[in-house]
Amino acid sequence: MTGQTLARLAATIADRAGADPDSSWTAQLLARGPEACARKFAEETTEAVIEAVKGDAPRLTAEAADVLYHLLVMCAARGVTLEAIEAELARREGQSGLAEKAAR
């Protein structure tokens, strides 16, 4: 998945935020509120972990895609954009993960 694909997905999520919940799964999720979006994200991450432990690469791939989608929906529900996430990743770039954790 390219960064462009994620950007298009984030844009679609933003567009669907104002859609009729009867016509859009994304609109339904967002209409349920941030807490429901977070619960759905947690469900999808658990499913991805199960597939990772089982070693089923095709199922893990599908679940990982679900995780990315639901992560972006959860963030959108709280007003956090993909651009903000990318900026945070860029800020951390080149920094040791151990040093970054120690600085928190």
PDB file of N, CA and C in Angstrom:
ATOM      1  N   MET A   1       0.870  -1.187   0.000  1.00  0.00           N
ATOM      2  CA  MET A   1       0.000   0.000   0.000  1.00  0.00           C
ATOM      3  C   MET A   1       0.898   1.226   0.000  1.00  0.00           C
ATOM      4  N   THR A   2       0.652   2.094  -0.898  1.00  0.00           N
ATOM      5  CA  THR A   2       1.468   3.296  -0.988  1.00  0.00           C
ATOM      6  C   THR A   2       0.895   4.395  -0.111  1.00  0.00           C
ATOM      7  N   GLY A   3       1.713   5.395   0.133  1.00  0.00           N
ATOM      8  CA  GLY A   3       1.237   6.558   0.867  1.00  0.00           C
ATOM      9  C   GLY A   3       0.070   7.228   0.163  1.00  0.00           C
ATOM     10  N   GLN A   4       0.078   7.175  -1.156  1.00  0.00           N
ATOM     11  CA  GLN A   4      -1.029   7.761  -1.920  1.00  0.00           C
ATOM     12  C   GLN A   4      -2.322   7.005  -1.653  1.00  0.00           C
ATOM     13  N   THR A   5      -2.223   5.707  -1.511  1.00  0.00           N
ATOM     14  CA  THR A   5      -3.409   4.910  -1.220  1.00  0.00           C
ATOM     15  C   THR A   5      -3.969   5.295   0.141  1.00  0.00           C
ATOM     16  N   LEU A   6      -3.103   5.451   1.125  1.00  0.00           N
ATOM     17  CA  LEU A   6      -3.558   5.870   2.455  1.00  0.00           C
ATOM     18  C   LEU A   6      -4.162   7.270   2.406  1.00  0.00           C
ATOM     19  N   ALA A   7      -3.548   8.151   1.638  1.00  0.00           N
ATOM     20  CA  ALA A   7      -4.080   9.509   1.519  1.00  0.00           C
ATOM     21  C   ALA A   7      -5.468   9.485   0.880  1.00  0.00           C
ATOM     22  N   ARG A   8      -5.640   8.657  -0.142  1.00  0.00           N
ATOM     23  CA  ARG A   8      -6.964   8.544  -0.772  1.00  0.00           C
ATOM     24  C   ARG A   8      -7.975   7.954   0.207  1.00  0.00           C
ATOM     25  N   LEU A   9      -7.558   6.961   0.982  1.00  0.00           N
ATOM     26  CA  LEU A   9      -8.449   6.368   1.971  1.00  0.00           C
ATOM     27  C   LEU A   9      -8.842   7.401   3.026  1.00  0.00           C
ATOM     28  N   ALA A  10      -7.884   8.173   3.512  1.00  0.00           N
ATOM     29  CA  ALA A  10      -8.178   9.216   4.505  1.00  0.00           C
ATOM     30  C   ALA A  10      -9.133  10.255   3.927  1.00  0.00           C
ATOM     31  N   ALA A  11      -8.950  10.617   2.665  1.00  0.00           N
ATOM     32  CA  ALA A  11      -9.838  11.584   2.024  1.00  0.00           C
ATOM     33  C   ALA A  11     -11.249  11.021   1.883  1.00  0.00           C
ATOM     34  N   THR A  12     -11.347   9.754   1.550  1.00  0.00           N
ATOM     35  CA  THR A  12     -12.662   9.115   1.444  1.00  0.00           C
ATOM     36  C   THR A  12     -13.358   9.093   2.795  1.00  0.00           C
ATOM     37  N   ILE A  13     -12.618   8.775   3.849  1.00  0.00           N
ATOM     38  CA  ILE A  13     -13.185   8.772   5.201  1.00  0.00           C
ATOM     39  C   ILE A  13     -13.690  10.168   5.550  1.00  0.00           C
ATOM     40  N   ALA A  14     -12.910  11.185   5.253  1.00  0.00           N
ATOM     41  CA  ALA A  14     -13.328  12.566   5.535  1.00  0.00           C
ATOM     42  C   ALA A  14     -14.586  12.920   4.740  1.00  0.00           C
ATOM     43  N   ASP A  15     -14.638  12.512   3.481  1.00  0.00           N
ATOM     44  CA  ASP A  15     -15.815  12.784   2.652  1.00  0.00           C
ATOM     45  C   ASP A  15     -17.065  12.082   3.183  1.00  0.00           C
ATOM     46  N   ARG A  16     -16.883  10.876   3.679  1.00  0.00           N
ATOM     47  CA  ARG A  16     -18.028  10.089   4.132  1.00  0.00           C
ATOM     48  C   ARG A  16     -18.518  10.517   5.517  1.00  0.00           C
ATOM     49  N   ALA A  17     -17.746  11.326   6.205  1.00  0.00           N
ATOM     50  CA  ALA A  17     -18.136  11.761   7.553  1.00  0.00           C
ATOM     51  C   ALA A  17     -19.488  12.460   7.541  1.00  0.00           C
ATOM     52  N   GLY A  18     -19.788  13.165   6.475  1.00  0.00           N
ATOM     53  CA  GLY A  18     -21.051  13.867   6.386  1.00  0.00           C
ATOM     54  C   GLY A  18     -22.115  13.126   5.598  1.00  0.00           C
ATOM     55  N   ALA A  19     -21.826  11.898   5.221  1.00  0.00           N
ATOM     56  CA  ALA A  19     -22.768  11.125   4.411  1.00  0.00           C
ATOM     57  C   ALA A  19     -23.895  10.555   5.273  1.00  0.00           C
ATOM     58  N   ASP A  20     -24.917  10.079   4.603  1.00  0.00           N
ATOM     59  CA  ASP A  20     -26.036   9.426   5.269  1.00  0.00           C
ATOM     60  C   ASP A  20     -25.544   8.081   5.817  1.00  0.00           C
ATOM     61  N   PRO A  21     -25.681   7.851   7.125  1.00  0.00           N
ATOM     62  CA  PRO A  21     -25.239   6.576   7.701  1.00  0.00           C
ATOM     63  C   PRO A  21     -25.922   5.352   7.089  1.00  0.00           C
ATOM     64  N   ASP A  22     -27.093   5.533   6.490  1.00  0.00           N
ATOM     65  CA  ASP A  22     -27.766   4.408   5.834  1.00  0.00           C
ATOM     66  C   ASP A  22     -27.095   4.019   4.525  1.00  0.00           C
ATOM     67  N   SER A  23     -26.227   4.891   3.998  1.00  0.00           N
ATOM     68  CA  SER A  23     -25.600   4.601   2.709  1.00  0.00           C
ATOM     69  C   SER A  23     -24.094   4.405   2.802  1.00  0.00           C
ATOM     70  N   SER A  24     -23.518   4.523   4.005  1.00  0.00           N
ATOM     71  CA  SER A  24     -22.060   4.452   4.128  1.00  0.00           C
ATOM     72  C   SER A  24     -21.665   3.818   5.458  1.00  0.00           C
ATOM     73  N   TRP A  25     -20.860   2.756   5.378  1.00  0.00           N
ATOM     74  CA  TRP A  25     -20.332   2.106   6.584  1.00  0.00           C
ATOM     75  C   TRP A  25     -19.483   3.087   7.389  1.00  0.00           C
ATOM     76  N   THR A  26     -18.674   3.871   6.705  1.00  0.00           N
ATOM     77  CA  THR A  26     -17.838   4.859   7.394  1.00  0.00           C
ATOM     78  C   THR A  26     -18.703   5.866   8.135  1.00  0.00           C
ATOM     79  N   ALA A  27     -19.743   6.349   7.482  1.00  0.00           N
ATOM     80  CA  ALA A  27     -20.652   7.294   8.140  1.00  0.00           C
ATOM     81  C   ALA A  27     -21.334   6.653   9.337  1.00  0.00           C
ATOM     82  N   GLN A  28     -21.684   5.378   9.223  1.00  0.00           N
ATOM     83  CA  GLN A  28     -22.286   4.669  10.358  1.00  0.00           C
ATOM     84  C   GLN A  28     -21.331   4.617  11.537  1.00  0.00           C
ATOM     85  N   LEU A  29     -20.082   4.241  11.263  1.00  0.00           N
ATOM     86  CA  LEU A  29     -19.081   4.171  12.337  1.00  0.00           C
ATOM     87  C   LEU A  29     -18.908   5.527  13.010  1.00  0.00           C
ATOM     88  N   LEU A  30     -18.733   6.566  12.205  1.00  0.00           N
ATOM     89  CA  LEU A  30     -18.512   7.906  12.763  1.00  0.00           C
ATOM     90  C   LEU A  30     -19.729   8.411  13.526  1.00  0.00           C
ATOM     91  N   ALA A  31     -20.922   8.061  13.071  1.00  0.00           N
ATOM     92  CA  ALA A  31     -22.144   8.491  13.754  1.00  0.00           C
ATOM     93  C   ALA A  31     -22.267   7.843  15.133  1.00  0.00           C
ATOM     94  N   ARG A  32     -21.656   6.703  15.307  1.00  0.00           N
ATOM     95  CA  ARG A  32     -21.706   6.003  16.606  1.00  0.00           C
ATOM     96  C   ARG A  32     -20.789   6.647  17.643  1.00  0.00           C
ATOM     97  N   GLY A  33     -19.875   7.492  17.181  1.00  0.00           N
ATOM     98  CA  GLY A  33     -19.009   8.220  18.096  1.00  0.00           C
ATOM     99  C   GLY A  33     -17.622   7.630  18.235  1.00  0.00           C
ATOM    100  N   PRO A  34     -16.711   8.433  18.805  1.00  0.00           N
ATOM    101  CA  PRO A  34     -15.308   8.026  18.926  1.00  0.00           C
ATOM    102  C   PRO A  34     -15.092   6.748  19.727  1.00  0.00           C
ATOM    103  N   GLU A  35     -15.888   6.560  20.770  1.00  0.00           N
ATOM    104  CA  GLU A  35     -15.705   5.365  21.597  1.00  0.00           C
ATOM    105  C   GLU A  35     -16.033   4.097  20.806  1.00  0.00           C
ATOM    106  N   ALA A  36     -17.102   4.126  20.025  1.00  0.00           N
ATOM    107  CA  ALA A  36     -17.461   2.974  19.198  1.00  0.00           C
ATOM    108  C   ALA A  36     -16.406   2.730  18.128  1.00  0.00           C
ATOM    109  N   CYS A  37     -15.869   3.804  17.568  1.00  0.00           N
ATOM    110  CA  CYS A  37     -14.795   3.661  16.576  1.00  0.00           C
ATOM    111  C   CYS A  37     -13.568   3.018  17.218  1.00  0.00           C
ATOM    112  N   ALA A  38     -13.267   3.389  18.440  1.00  0.00           N
ATOM    113  CA  ALA A  38     -12.120   2.812  19.145  1.00  0.00           C
ATOM    114  C   ALA A  38     -12.349   1.330  19.438  1.00  0.00           C
ATOM    115  N   ARG A  39     -13.561   0.973  19.836  1.00  0.00           N
ATOM    116  CA  ARG A  39     -13.864  -0.441  20.090  1.00  0.00           C
ATOM    117  C   ARG A  39     -13.716  -1.271  18.813  1.00  0.00           C
ATOM    118  N   LYS A  40     -14.178  -0.723  17.686  1.00  0.00           N
ATOM    119  CA  LYS A  40     -14.057  -1.443  16.412  1.00  0.00           C
ATOM    120  C   LYS A  40     -12.593  -1.582  16.020  1.00  0.00           C
ATOM    121  N   PHE A  41     -11.796  -0.547  16.243  1.00  0.00           N
ATOM    122  CA  PHE A  41     -10.364  -0.621  15.968  1.00  0.00           C
ATOM    123  C   PHE A  41      -9.727  -1.724  16.825  1.00  0.00           C
ATOM    124  N   ALA A  42     -10.082  -1.769  18.100  1.00  0.00           N
ATOM    125  CA  ALA A  42      -9.531  -2.798  18.995  1.00  0.00           C
ATOM    126  C   ALA A  42      -9.906  -4.198  18.503  1.00  0.00           C
ATOM    127  N   GLU A  43     -11.137  -4.368  18.052  1.00  0.00           N
ATOM    128  CA  GLU A  43     -11.582  -5.660  17.522  1.00  0.00           C
ATOM    129  C   GLU A  43     -10.736  -6.064  16.320  1.00  0.00           C
ATOM    130  N   GLU A  44     -10.517  -5.116  15.423  1.00  0.00           N
ATOM    131  CA  GLU A  44      -9.739  -5.418  14.218  1.00  0.00           C
ATOM    132  C   GLU A  44      -8.277  -5.712  14.545  1.00  0.00           C
ATOM    133  N   THR A  45      -7.700  -5.015  15.514  1.00  0.00           N
ATOM    134  CA  THR A  45      -6.304  -5.288  15.877  1.00  0.00           C
ATOM    135  C   THR A  45      -6.183  -6.683  16.478  1.00  0.00           C
ATOM    136  N   THR A  46      -7.165  -7.081  17.284  1.00  0.00           N
ATOM    137  CA  THR A  46      -7.146  -8.428  17.850  1.00  0.00           C
ATOM    138  C   THR A  46      -7.184  -9.475  16.747  1.00  0.00           C
ATOM    139  N   GLU A  47      -8.029  -9.258  15.761  1.00  0.00           N
ATOM    140  CA  GLU A  47      -8.110 -10.198  14.639  1.00  0.00           C
ATOM    141  C   GLU A  47      -6.782 -10.270  13.884  1.00  0.00           C
ATOM    142  N   ALA A  48      -6.113  -9.143  13.733  1.00  0.00           N
ATOM    143  CA  ALA A  48      -4.811  -9.135  13.057  1.00  0.00           C
ATOM    144  C   ALA A  48      -3.774  -9.898  13.877  1.00  0.00           C
ATOM    145  N   VAL A  49      -3.775  -9.713  15.175  1.00  0.00           N
ATOM    146  CA  VAL A  49      -2.835 -10.424  16.043  1.00  0.00           C
ATOM    147  C   VAL A  49      -3.062 -11.935  15.947  1.00  0.00           C
ATOM    148  N   ILE A  50      -4.308 -12.350  15.950  1.00  0.00           N
ATOM    149  CA  ILE A  50      -4.619 -13.785  15.841  1.00  0.00           C
ATOM    150  C   ILE A  50      -4.045 -14.358  14.554  1.00  0.00           C
ATOM    151  N   GLU A  51      -4.233 -13.644  13.443  1.00  0.00           N
ATOM    152  CA  GLU A  51      -3.709 -14.135  12.160  1.00  0.00           C
ATOM    153  C   GLU A  51      -2.185 -14.122  12.140  1.00  0.00           C
ATOM    154  N   ALA A  52      -1.572 -13.145  12.799  1.00  0.00           N
ATOM    155  CA  ALA A  52      -0.106 -13.104  12.869  1.00  0.00           C
ATOM    156  C   ALA A  52       0.427 -14.306  13.649  1.00  0.00           C
ATOM    157  N   VAL A  53      -0.231 -14.635  14.744  1.00  0.00           N
ATOM    158  CA  VAL A  53       0.187 -15.775  15.560  1.00  0.00           C
ATOM    159  C   VAL A  53      -0.019 -17.083  14.792  1.00  0.00           C
ATOM    160  N   LYS A  54      -1.121 -17.181  14.059  1.00  0.00           N
ATOM    161  CA  LYS A  54      -1.396 -18.389  13.276  1.00  0.00           C
ATOM    162  C   LYS A  54      -0.443 -18.523  12.093  1.00  0.00           C
ATOM    163  N   GLY A  55       0.126 -17.406  11.645  1.00  0.00           N
ATOM    164  CA  GLY A  55       1.049 -17.449  10.519  1.00  0.00           C
ATOM    165  C   GLY A  55       0.356 -17.483   9.159  1.00  0.00           C
ATOM    166  N   ASP A  56      -0.889 -17.047   9.120  1.00  0.00           N
ATOM    167  CA  ASP A  56      -1.646 -17.034   7.864  1.00  0.00           C
ATOM    168  C   ASP A  56      -1.443 -15.675   7.184  1.00  0.00           C
ATOM    169  N   ALA A  57      -0.450 -15.600   6.307  1.00  0.00           N
ATOM    170  CA  ALA A  57      -0.076 -14.316   5.692  1.00  0.00           C
ATOM    171  C   ALA A  57      -1.215 -13.674   4.892  1.00  0.00           C
ATOM    172  N   PRO A  58      -1.957 -14.419   4.075  1.00  0.00           N
ATOM    173  CA  PRO A  58      -3.057 -13.765   3.352  1.00  0.00           C
ATOM    174  C   PRO A  58      -4.133 -13.208   4.289  1.00  0.00           C
ATOM    175  N   ARG A  59      -4.484 -13.945   5.333  1.00  0.00           N
ATOM    176  CA  ARG A  59      -5.486 -13.446   6.291  1.00  0.00           C
ATOM    177  C   ARG A  59      -4.921 -12.272   7.082  1.00  0.00           C
ATOM    178  N   LEU A  60      -3.634 -12.333   7.435  1.00  0.00           N
ATOM    179  CA  LEU A  60      -3.008 -11.212   8.139  1.00  0.00           C
ATOM    180  C   LEU A  60      -3.024  -9.966   7.256  1.00  0.00           C
ATOM    181  N   THR A  61      -2.758 -10.128   5.976  1.00  0.00           N
ATOM    182  CA  THR A  61      -2.794  -9.008   5.043  1.00  0.00           C
ATOM    183  C   THR A  61      -4.172  -8.356   5.038  1.00  0.00           C
ATOM    184  N   ALA A  62      -5.213  -9.177   4.961  1.00  0.00           N
ATOM    185  CA  ALA A  62      -6.580  -8.650   4.951  1.00  0.00           C
ATOM    186  C   ALA A  62      -6.908  -7.956   6.268  1.00  0.00           C
ATOM    187  N   GLU A  63      -6.523  -8.564   7.383  1.00  0.00           N
ATOM    188  CA  GLU A  63      -6.803  -7.955   8.687  1.00  0.00           C
ATOM    189  C   GLU A  63      -5.989  -6.685   8.894  1.00  0.00           C
ATOM    190  N   ALA A  64      -4.755  -6.662   8.381  1.00  0.00           N
ATOM    191  CA  ALA A  64      -3.932  -5.447   8.500  1.00  0.00           C
ATOM    192  C   ALA A  64      -4.577  -4.292   7.735  1.00  0.00           C
ATOM    193  N   ALA A  65      -5.162  -4.591   6.582  1.00  0.00           N
ATOM    194  CA  ALA A  65      -5.872  -3.551   5.830  1.00  0.00           C
ATOM    195  C   ALA A  65      -7.055  -3.040   6.633  1.00  0.00           C
ATOM    196  N   ASP A  66      -7.780  -3.951   7.284  1.00  0.00           N
ATOM    197  CA  ASP A  66      -8.890  -3.532   8.149  1.00  0.00           C
ATOM    198  C   ASP A  66      -8.388  -2.656   9.294  1.00  0.00           C
ATOM    199  N   VAL A  67      -7.249  -3.019   9.877  1.00  0.00           N
ATOM    200  CA  VAL A  67      -6.679  -2.234  10.970  1.00  0.00           C
ATOM    201  C   VAL A  67      -6.357  -0.817  10.509  1.00  0.00           C
ATOM    202  N   LEU A  68      -5.724  -0.678   9.350  1.00  0.00           N
ATOM    203  CA  LEU A  68      -5.386   0.655   8.849  1.00  0.00           C
ATOM    204  C   LEU A  68      -6.636   1.489   8.609  1.00  0.00           C
ATOM    205  N   TYR A  69      -7.652   0.888   8.007  1.00  0.00           N
ATOM    206  CA  TYR A  69      -8.910   1.597   7.763  1.00  0.00           C
ATOM    207  C   TYR A  69      -9.522   2.049   9.093  1.00  0.00           C
ATOM    208  N   HIS A  70      -9.644   1.139  10.033  1.00  0.00           N
ATOM    209  CA  HIS A  70     -10.300   1.477  11.298  1.00  0.00           C
ATOM    210  C   HIS A  70      -9.461   2.427  12.149  1.00  0.00           C
ATOM    211  N   LEU A  71      -8.143   2.379  12.009  1.00  0.00           N
ATOM    212  CA  LEU A  71      -7.283   3.368  12.677  1.00  0.00           C
ATOM    213  C   LEU A  71      -7.602   4.763  12.161  1.00  0.00           C
ATOM    214  N   LEU A  72      -7.691   4.901  10.844  1.00  0.00           N
ATOM    215  CA  LEU A  72      -7.990   6.209  10.261  1.00  0.00           C
ATOM    216  C   LEU A  72      -9.396   6.686  10.631  1.00  0.00           C
ATOM    217  N   VAL A  73     -10.361   5.772  10.696  1.00  0.00           N
ATOM    218  CA  VAL A  73     -11.714   6.148  11.113  1.00  0.00           C
ATOM    219  C   VAL A  73     -11.692   6.615  12.568  1.00  0.00           C
ATOM    220  N   MET A  74     -11.027   5.864  13.435  1.00  0.00           N
ATOM    221  CA  MET A  74     -10.947   6.233  14.849  1.00  0.00           C
ATOM    222  C   MET A  74     -10.292   7.604  15.010  1.00  0.00           C
ATOM    223  N   CYS A  75      -9.221   7.826  14.301  1.00  0.00           N
ATOM    224  CA  CYS A  75      -8.542   9.126  14.379  1.00  0.00           C
ATOM    225  C   CYS A  75      -9.441  10.241  13.849  1.00  0.00           C
ATOM    226  N   ALA A  76     -10.124   9.983  12.738  1.00  0.00           N
ATOM    227  CA  ALA A  76     -11.029  10.987  12.175  1.00  0.00           C
ATOM    228  C   ALA A  76     -12.125  11.346  13.169  1.00  0.00           C
ATOM    229  N   ALA A  77     -12.577  10.368  13.933  1.00  0.00           N
ATOM    230  CA  ALA A  77     -13.629  10.615  14.923  1.00  0.00           C
ATOM    231  C   ALA A  77     -13.164  11.585  16.012  1.00  0.00           C
ATOM    232  N   ARG A  78     -11.863  11.694  16.191  1.00  0.00           N
ATOM    233  CA  ARG A  78     -11.284  12.615  17.172  1.00  0.00           C
ATOM    234  C   ARG A  78     -10.591  13.806  16.519  1.00  0.00           C
ATOM    235  N   GLY A  79     -10.766  13.944  15.198  1.00  0.00           N
ATOM    236  CA  GLY A  79     -10.198  15.090  14.506  1.00  0.00           C
ATOM    237  C   GLY A  79      -8.709  14.994  14.236  1.00  0.00           C
ATOM    238  N   VAL A  80      -8.157  13.794  14.304  1.00  0.00           N
ATOM    239  CA  VAL A  80      -6.736  13.585  14.014  1.00  0.00           C
ATOM    240  C   VAL A  80      -6.613  13.137  12.564  1.00  0.00           C
ATOM    241  N   THR A  81      -5.859  13.892  11.784  1.00  0.00           N
ATOM    242  CA  THR A  81      -5.735  13.617  10.353  1.00  0.00           C
ATOM    243  C   THR A  81      -4.526  12.745  10.044  1.00  0.00           C
ATOM    244  N   LEU A  82      -4.565  12.146   8.867  1.00  0.00           N
ATOM    245  CA  LEU A  82      -3.403  11.398   8.386  1.00  0.00           C
ATOM    246  C   LEU A  82      -2.192  12.319   8.302  1.00  0.00           C
ATOM    247  N   GLU A  83      -2.414  13.564   7.895  1.00  0.00           N
ATOM    248  CA  GLU A  83      -1.318  14.523   7.803  1.00  0.00           C
ATOM    249  C   GLU A  83      -0.655  14.739   9.169  1.00  0.00           C
ATOM    250  N   ALA A  84      -1.440  14.795  10.216  1.00  0.00           N
ATOM    251  CA  ALA A  84      -0.889  14.961  11.564  1.00  0.00           C
ATOM    252  C   ALA A  84      -0.082  13.733  11.975  1.00  0.00           C
ATOM    253  N   ILE A  85      -0.583  12.562  11.622  1.00  0.00           N
ATOM    254  CA  ILE A  85       0.145  11.327  11.932  1.00  0.00           C
ATOM    255  C   ILE A  85       1.455  11.281  11.163  1.00  0.00           C
ATOM    256  N   GLU A  86       1.398  11.642   9.875  1.00  0.00           N
ATOM    257  CA  GLU A  86       2.615  11.663   9.062  1.00  0.00           C
ATOM    258  C   GLU A  86       3.620  12.672   9.607  1.00  0.00           C
ATOM    259  N   ALA A  87       3.151  13.817  10.070  1.00  0.00           N
ATOM    260  CA  ALA A  87       4.056  14.825  10.635  1.00  0.00           C
ATOM    261  C   ALA A  87       4.738  14.290  11.888  1.00  0.00           C
ATOM    262  N   GLU A  88       3.998  13.563  12.702  1.00  0.00           N
ATOM    263  CA  GLU A  88       4.597  12.978  13.905  1.00  0.00           C
ATOM    264  C   GLU A  88       5.634  11.926  13.540  1.00  0.00           C
ATOM    265  N   LEU A  89       5.324  11.104  12.536  1.00  0.00           N
ATOM    266  CA  LEU A  89       6.301  10.117  12.076  1.00  0.00           C
ATOM    267  C   LEU A  89       7.552  10.801  11.525  1.00  0.00           C
ATOM    268  N   ALA A  90       7.364  11.875  10.763  1.00  0.00           N
ATOM    269  CA  ALA A  90       8.505  12.622  10.217  1.00  0.00           C
ATOM    270  C   ALA A  90       9.349  13.214  11.341  1.00  0.00           C
ATOM    271  N   ARG A  91       8.689  13.696  12.391  1.00  0.00           N
ATOM    272  CA  ARG A  91       9.419  14.264  13.528  1.00  0.00           C
ATOM    273  C   ARG A  91      10.310  13.204  14.178  1.00  0.00           C
ATOM    274  N   ARG A  92       9.836  11.976  14.190  1.00  0.00           N
ATOM    275  CA  ARG A  92      10.582  10.881  14.829  1.00  0.00           C
ATOM    276  C   ARG A  92      11.633  10.256  13.914  1.00  0.00           C
ATOM    277  N   GLU A  93      11.549  10.549  12.622  1.00  0.00           N
ATOM    278  CA  GLU A  93      12.439   9.922  11.647  1.00  0.00           C
ATOM    279  C   GLU A  93      13.899  10.181  12.004  1.00  0.00           C
ATOM    280  N   GLY A  94      14.673   9.146  11.902  1.00  0.00           N
ATOM    281  CA  GLY A  94      16.098   9.271  12.187  1.00  0.00           C
ATOM    282  C   GLY A  94      16.432   9.204  13.667  1.00  0.00           C
ATOM    283  N   GLN A  95      15.411   9.106  14.487  1.00  0.00           N
ATOM    284  CA  GLN A  95      15.631   9.025  15.931  1.00  0.00           C
ATOM    285  C   GLN A  95      15.520   7.561  16.347  1.00  0.00           C
ATOM    286  N   SER A  96      16.387   7.147  17.217  1.00  0.00           N
ATOM    287  CA  SER A  96      16.328   5.792  17.741  1.00  0.00           C
ATOM    288  C   SER A  96      15.000   5.573  18.455  1.00  0.00           C
ATOM    289  N   GLY A  97      14.394   4.432  18.231  1.00  0.00           N
ATOM    290  CA  GLY A  97      13.155   4.097  18.922  1.00  0.00           C
ATOM    291  C   GLY A  97      13.355   4.079  20.429  1.00  0.00           C
ATOM    292  N   LEU A  98      14.524   3.619  20.870  1.00  0.00           N
ATOM    293  CA  LEU A  98      14.803   3.600  22.303  1.00  0.00           C
ATOM    294  C   LEU A  98      14.916   5.012  22.849  1.00  0.00           C
ATOM    295  N   ALA A  99      15.575   5.907  22.094  1.00  0.00           N
ATOM    296  CA  ALA A  99      15.709   7.305  22.536  1.00  0.00           C
ATOM    297  C   ALA A  99      14.355   7.999  22.537  1.00  0.00           C
ATOM    298  N   GLU A 100      13.527   7.708  21.534  1.00  0.00           N
ATOM    299  CA  GLU A 100      12.216   8.323  21.452  1.00  0.00           C
ATOM    300  C   GLU A 100      11.358   7.894  22.639  1.00  0.00           C
ATOM    301  N   LYS A 101      11.383   6.624  22.998  1.00  0.00           N
ATOM    302  CA  LYS A 101      10.602   6.141  24.136  1.00  0.00           C
ATOM    303  C   LYS A 101      11.117   6.757  25.437  1.00  0.00           C
ATOM    304  N   ALA A 102      12.411   6.893  25.570  1.00  0.00           N
ATOM    305  CA  ALA A 102      12.994   7.467  26.795  1.00  0.00           C
ATOM    306  C   ALA A 102      12.621   8.928  26.953  1.00  0.00           C
ATOM    307  N   ALA A 103      12.384   9.619  25.850  1.00  0.00           N
ATOM    308  CA  ALA A 103      12.043  11.042  25.897  1.00  0.00           C
ATOM    309  C   ALA A 103      10.589  11.292  26.278  1.00  0.00           C
ATOM    310  N   ARG A 104       9.779  10.265  26.292  1.00  0.00           N
ATOM    311  CA  ARG A 104       8.352  10.449  26.621  1.00  0.00           C
ATOM    312  C   ARG A 104       8.146  10.652  28.105  1.00  0.00           C
TER     313      ARG A 104
END
